[in-house]
Amino acid sequence: MSKQLIDSDRLSRIHHIILDMDGTIYNGNQLFDFTPKFFDTLKRLDIHYTYLTNNSSRNVVQYLEKLHEMGLEGTNEDIYTSSLATIEYLMSNRSEIRKLYILGTDGMKSEFRESGFQVIGEEIDEEPDAVIVGFDTSLTFDHLCRAAYWIKLGKPFIATHPDRTCPTNKPTLLVDCGAICASLESATGRGPDIILGKPDPRMIWGILNRNHLEKNEVAMVGDRLYTDIEMAHRAGVMGVLVLSGENTREDANNYTTKPDLVVQNIDKFGELLTESRNQ
């Protein structure tokens, strides 16, 4: 049997798509032209989906607002973020941690508060149980220094995700969580104790459990090899690299963990899903 036939057979069993957001369905605040057609294809094929993002600058409600403004559908249960993955990790593995110093946006901090955590401020007499670092678009020098102070004292240092930059359609470079953590590591001599979010496979495993899915029924679709495709590999699901974001086909050829599929964009992936069901 040829490789194409094997791929078509795998594709025909896919009933749930885990979708990266930035670089996959939109770029910054601009929806890709091909995105609506892809969702029409999923609806026609009765394939369900979950939005998955490492970007912790927004909470679930804010992401829903953004998606709805772009004309996309979704509910709270359709979105999973690195902040939620971090909250689940703390609740399951570090129940002694309740007071947090967070480098993150107000939306991110509210998500932790709603889950029962205390988020402390800048006062020196308030001592956190841990430092949480996310994609802090409101980052100030004072906040960075305060986080470094607690990390230097040995407080648990937890990162929501490893991304170094965030995709954008604006003429700038958005410095993401991984780069902020690198700055803190340079200053303190300590890297994060744990990095949640992609490529941690627990994000996918949680979606499998929530939707009662088998691994061979799921495809992870994203634009980054070191997060999206690496996580798919670790979780044992199909990994589909789209070339609409960060990585190129040459990157994929040179990367240790190979994608199961490389396509120009999600619309092209939708065409392959349709073909697999017509054979």
Protein backbone atom coordinates (compact mmCIF):
# COMPACT_ATOMS: atom_id res chain seq x y z
CA MET A 1 0.00 0.00 0.00
CA SER A 2 1.39 3.42 -0.91
CA LYS A 3 2.11 6.16 1.61
CA GLN A 4 -0.73 8.26 0.22
CA LEU A 5 -3.21 5.43 0.76
CA ILE A 6 -1.94 4.93 4.30
CA ASP A 7 -2.33 8.66 4.99
CA SER A 8 -5.84 8.66 3.52
CA ASP A 9 -6.79 5.75 5.73
CA ARG A 10 -5.53 7.61 8.81
CA LEU A 11 -7.31 10.78 7.75
CA SER A 12 -10.61 8.97 7.29
CA ARG A 13 -10.58 8.05 11.00
CA ILE A 14 -10.10 11.63 12.21
CA HIS A 15 -13.21 12.86 14.03
CA HIS A 16 -11.77 15.65 16.18
CA ILE A 17 -9.34 18.44 15.26
CA ILE A 18 -7.27 20.23 17.89
CA LEU A 19 -6.60 23.64 16.41
CA ASP A 20 -3.79 26.00 17.23
CA MET A 21 -4.97 29.59 16.85
CA ASP A 22 -2.29 32.22 16.14
CA GLY A 23 -0.63 31.38 12.84
CA THR A 24 -3.18 28.67 12.04
CA ILE A 25 -6.67 30.19 11.91
CA TYR A 26 -5.64 33.84 12.21
CA ASN A 27 -2.57 36.07 12.35
CA GLY A 28 -2.68 38.54 15.21
CA ASN A 29 -6.13 40.12 14.82
CA GLN A 30 -6.59 39.15 11.16
CA LEU A 31 -8.58 36.04 10.25
CA PHE A 32 -7.05 34.15 7.36
CA ASP A 33 -9.21 34.24 4.21
CA PHE A 34 -9.27 30.43 4.03
CA THR A 35 -10.43 29.86 7.63
CA PRO A 36 -14.24 30.12 7.11
CA LYS A 37 -14.12 27.53 4.33
CA PHE A 38 -12.22 25.13 6.58
CA PHE A 39 -14.86 25.36 9.30
CA ASP A 40 -17.56 24.81 6.69
CA THR A 41 -15.71 21.63 5.70
CA LEU A 42 -15.57 20.43 9.31
CA LYS A 43 -19.30 21.03 9.73
CA ARG A 44 -20.10 19.18 6.50
CA LEU A 45 -17.92 16.21 7.52
CA ASP A 46 -19.28 16.26 11.11
CA ILE A 47 -15.77 16.71 12.54
CA HIS A 48 -15.61 18.42 15.92
CA TYR A 49 -12.80 20.65 17.15
CA THR A 50 -11.12 22.29 20.13
CA TYR A 51 -9.26 25.59 19.98
CA LEU A 52 -5.89 25.21 21.70
CA THR A 53 -3.45 28.02 22.37
CA ASN A 54 -0.30 28.67 24.34
CA ASN A 55 -1.08 32.39 24.34
CA SER A 56 -1.94 33.15 27.96
CA SER A 57 -2.52 36.88 27.46
CA ARG A 58 -6.29 36.30 27.23
CA ASN A 59 -8.63 34.20 29.34
CA VAL A 60 -11.31 31.92 27.89
CA VAL A 61 -14.03 34.61 27.89
CA GLN A 62 -11.75 37.04 26.08
CA TYR A 63 -10.81 34.42 23.49
CA LEU A 64 -14.47 33.68 22.86
CA GLU A 65 -15.13 37.37 22.34
CA LYS A 66 -12.27 37.55 19.83
CA LEU A 67 -13.44 34.44 17.95
CA HIS A 68 -17.04 35.63 17.84
CA GLU A 69 -15.94 39.05 16.55
CA MET A 70 -14.15 37.22 13.74
CA GLY A 71 -17.34 35.32 12.92
CA LEU A 72 -16.22 31.97 14.37
CA GLU A 73 -18.28 29.77 16.65
CA GLY A 74 -17.26 28.39 20.04
CA THR A 75 -18.20 27.86 23.69
CA ASN A 76 -16.15 27.68 26.89
CA GLU A 77 -15.78 23.93 26.41
CA ASP A 78 -14.25 24.45 22.95
CA ILE A 79 -11.18 26.38 24.20
CA TYR A 80 -8.15 25.15 26.11
CA THR A 81 -5.30 27.51 27.01
CA SER A 82 -1.91 27.20 28.66
CA SER A 83 -3.28 29.11 31.67
CA LEU A 84 -5.90 26.40 32.16
CA ALA A 85 -3.20 23.74 31.80
CA THR A 86 -1.15 25.51 34.48
CA ILE A 87 -4.13 25.76 36.81
CA GLU A 88 -4.88 22.05 36.37
CA TYR A 89 -1.22 21.21 37.06
CA LEU A 90 -1.19 23.23 40.29
CA MET A 91 -4.45 21.70 41.51
CA SER A 92 -3.37 18.14 40.70
CA ASN A 93 0.31 18.25 41.62
CA ARG A 94 1.06 21.27 43.83
CA SER A 95 -1.92 21.69 46.12
CA GLU A 96 0.26 23.49 48.69
CA ILE A 97 0.67 26.43 46.28
CA ARG A 98 -2.13 28.96 46.79
CA LYS A 99 -0.52 32.44 46.69
CA LEU A 100 0.94 33.47 43.33
CA TYR A 101 3.09 36.23 41.95
CA ILE A 102 2.11 36.37 38.28
CA LEU A 103 3.78 38.00 35.32
CA GLY A 104 0.70 38.13 33.15
CA THR A 105 -2.22 40.22 31.98
CA ASP A 106 -5.26 41.08 34.07
CA GLY A 107 -7.23 38.51 32.05
CA MET A 108 -4.76 35.77 32.93
CA LYS A 109 -4.72 36.76 36.60
CA SER A 110 -8.53 36.69 36.74
CA GLU A 111 -8.52 33.09 35.50
CA PHE A 112 -6.31 32.06 38.44
CA ARG A 113 -8.42 34.02 40.91
CA GLU A 114 -11.60 32.38 39.63
CA SER A 115 -9.97 29.01 40.28
CA GLY A 116 -9.37 29.88 43.93
CA PHE A 117 -5.79 31.20 43.89
CA GLN A 118 -4.64 34.38 45.60
CA VAL A 119 -2.70 36.71 43.31
CA ILE A 120 -0.42 39.00 45.30
CA GLY A 121 0.73 42.50 44.36
CA GLU A 122 4.00 44.38 44.60
CA GLU A 123 4.08 44.88 48.38
CA ILE A 124 7.27 43.46 49.88
CA ASP A 125 5.46 42.01 52.91
CA GLU A 126 3.32 39.79 50.61
CA GLU A 127 5.20 36.57 49.98
CA PRO A 128 4.04 34.21 47.21
CA ASP A 129 4.15 30.43 47.23
CA ALA A 130 5.26 30.46 43.58
CA VAL A 131 6.02 32.68 40.59
CA ILE A 132 3.93 32.10 37.45
CA VAL A 133 5.17 33.56 34.17
CA GLY A 134 2.94 33.90 31.12
CA PHE A 135 2.71 36.08 28.00
CA ASP A 136 2.69 39.41 29.80
CA THR A 137 1.77 42.15 27.32
CA SER A 138 1.64 44.60 30.25
CA LEU A 139 5.13 43.74 31.51
CA THR A 140 7.05 46.46 33.33
CA PHE A 141 10.63 46.57 34.53
CA ASP A 142 9.50 46.70 38.18
CA HIS A 143 7.34 43.58 37.74
CA LEU A 144 10.20 41.73 36.04
CA CYS A 145 12.57 42.62 38.87
CA ARG A 146 10.07 41.55 41.54
CA ALA A 147 9.60 38.17 39.85
CA ALA A 148 13.38 37.77 39.65
CA TYR A 149 13.64 38.56 43.36
CA TRP A 150 11.27 35.78 44.37
CA ILE A 151 12.83 33.32 41.92
CA LYS A 152 16.30 34.11 43.28
CA LEU A 153 14.99 33.33 46.78
CA GLY A 154 14.01 29.84 45.57
CA LYS A 155 10.27 30.16 45.03
CA PRO A 156 8.84 27.63 42.53
CA PHE A 157 9.20 29.08 39.03
CA ILE A 158 6.45 27.92 36.65
CA ALA A 159 6.00 28.97 33.02
CA THR A 160 2.66 28.67 31.25
CA HIS A 161 4.32 27.84 27.89
CA PRO A 162 7.68 27.92 26.04
CA ASP A 163 6.88 30.16 23.02
CA ARG A 164 9.59 32.77 22.48
CA THR A 165 7.54 35.02 20.21
CA CYS A 166 3.85 35.44 19.36
CA PRO A 167 2.64 35.77 15.75
CA THR A 168 1.38 39.17 14.70
CA ASN A 169 0.32 41.01 11.56
CA LYS A 170 1.79 44.27 12.88
CA PRO A 171 5.33 45.62 12.20
CA THR A 172 6.76 44.48 15.53
CA LEU A 173 8.14 41.41 17.33
CA LEU A 174 5.98 40.23 20.24
CA VAL A 175 8.22 38.91 23.02
CA ASP A 176 6.45 35.89 24.51
CA CYS A 177 6.71 33.82 27.68
CA GLY A 178 9.80 31.81 26.69
CA ALA A 179 11.83 34.96 26.07
CA ILE A 180 10.67 36.52 29.35
CA CYS A 181 11.72 33.34 31.16
CA ALA A 182 15.12 33.48 29.42
CA SER A 183 15.63 36.97 30.81
CA LEU A 184 14.73 35.79 34.31
CA GLU A 185 17.03 32.78 33.98
CA SER A 186 19.90 35.01 32.91
CA ALA A 187 19.36 37.27 35.92
CA THR A 188 18.77 34.58 38.56
CA GLY A 189 20.67 31.54 37.32
CA ARG A 190 17.42 29.52 37.42
CA GLY A 191 15.20 28.38 34.59
CA PRO A 192 11.55 27.38 35.11
CA ASP A 193 10.98 24.32 37.28
CA ILE A 194 8.28 23.24 34.84
CA ILE A 195 6.95 24.59 31.55
CA LEU A 196 3.28 23.86 30.88
CA GLY A 197 1.38 24.38 27.64
CA LYS A 198 2.50 22.98 24.32
CA PRO A 199 4.44 20.72 23.83
CA ASP A 200 3.31 19.17 27.13
CA PRO A 201 1.16 16.20 26.01
CA ARG A 202 -1.18 16.57 28.97
CA MET A 203 -3.03 19.31 27.08
CA ILE A 204 -4.04 16.78 24.41
CA TRP A 205 -4.71 13.98 26.88
CA GLY A 206 -7.16 16.25 28.70
CA ILE A 207 -9.05 16.87 25.45
CA LEU A 208 -9.11 13.14 24.70
CA ASN A 209 -10.62 12.41 28.11
CA ARG A 210 -13.11 15.26 27.93
CA ASN A 211 -14.44 14.13 24.55
CA HIS A 212 -14.07 10.34 25.04
CA LEU A 213 -11.73 10.03 22.06
CA GLU A 214 -9.08 7.54 20.98
CA LYS A 215 -5.70 8.82 19.81
CA ASN A 216 -6.22 7.67 16.22
CA GLU A 217 -9.39 9.81 16.00
CA VAL A 218 -7.56 13.08 16.67
CA ALA A 219 -5.29 15.40 14.67
CA MET A 220 -3.32 18.30 16.13
CA VAL A 221 -3.00 21.14 13.61
CA GLY A 222 -0.57 24.02 14.10
CA ASP A 223 2.19 26.17 12.62
CA ARG A 224 5.03 25.43 15.05
CA LEU A 225 7.23 22.37 15.07
CA TYR A 226 8.62 22.76 18.59
CA THR A 227 5.19 23.18 20.21
CA ASP A 228 2.32 21.88 18.04
CA ILE A 229 4.06 19.01 16.25
CA GLU A 230 6.24 18.06 19.20
CA MET A 231 3.15 17.84 21.42
CA ALA A 232 1.27 15.73 18.87
CA HIS A 233 4.23 13.33 18.75
CA ARG A 234 4.47 13.08 22.54
CA ALA A 235 0.71 12.55 22.87
CA GLY A 236 0.59 9.92 20.10
CA VAL A 237 -1.82 11.73 17.76
CA MET A 238 -1.50 12.88 14.15
CA GLY A 239 0.53 16.06 13.79
CA VAL A 240 -0.31 18.40 10.89
CA LEU A 241 2.00 21.35 10.18
CA VAL A 242 0.48 24.31 8.36
CA LEU A 243 2.81 26.76 6.58
CA SER A 244 0.68 29.83 7.35
CA GLY A 245 2.64 30.76 10.47
CA GLU A 246 6.12 30.40 11.91
CA ASN A 247 7.74 27.31 10.39
CA THR A 248 8.55 26.49 6.76
CA ARG A 249 8.72 23.25 4.80
CA GLU A 250 12.52 23.46 5.03
CA ASP A 251 12.22 23.72 8.82
CA ALA A 252 10.08 20.57 8.80
CA ASN A 253 12.61 18.70 6.67
CA ASN A 254 15.39 19.59 9.10
CA TYR A 255 13.47 19.04 12.35
CA THR A 256 14.02 15.86 14.34
CA THR A 257 10.32 15.22 15.01
CA LYS A 258 8.66 14.98 11.61
CA PRO A 259 5.04 16.07 11.06
CA ASP A 260 2.67 13.41 9.76
CA LEU A 261 1.49 15.93 7.19
CA VAL A 262 2.71 19.30 5.91
CA VAL A 263 0.09 21.46 4.16
CA GLN A 264 -0.01 25.05 2.99
CA ASN A 265 -2.91 25.95 5.28
CA ILE A 266 -5.96 24.51 7.04
CA ASP A 267 -8.08 24.79 3.89
CA LYS A 268 -5.71 22.37 2.14
CA PHE A 269 -5.99 20.05 5.13
CA GLY A 270 -9.78 20.24 4.84
CA GLU A 271 -9.51 19.15 1.21
CA LEU A 272 -7.47 16.11 2.25
CA LEU A 273 -10.04 15.22 4.91
CA THR A 274 -12.78 15.41 2.27
CA GLU A 275 -10.81 13.26 -0.20
CA SER A 276 -10.18 10.63 2.47
CA ARG A 277 -13.91 10.16 2.92
CA ASN A 278 -14.59 9.94 -0.81
CA GLN A 279 -12.25 7.02 -1.48
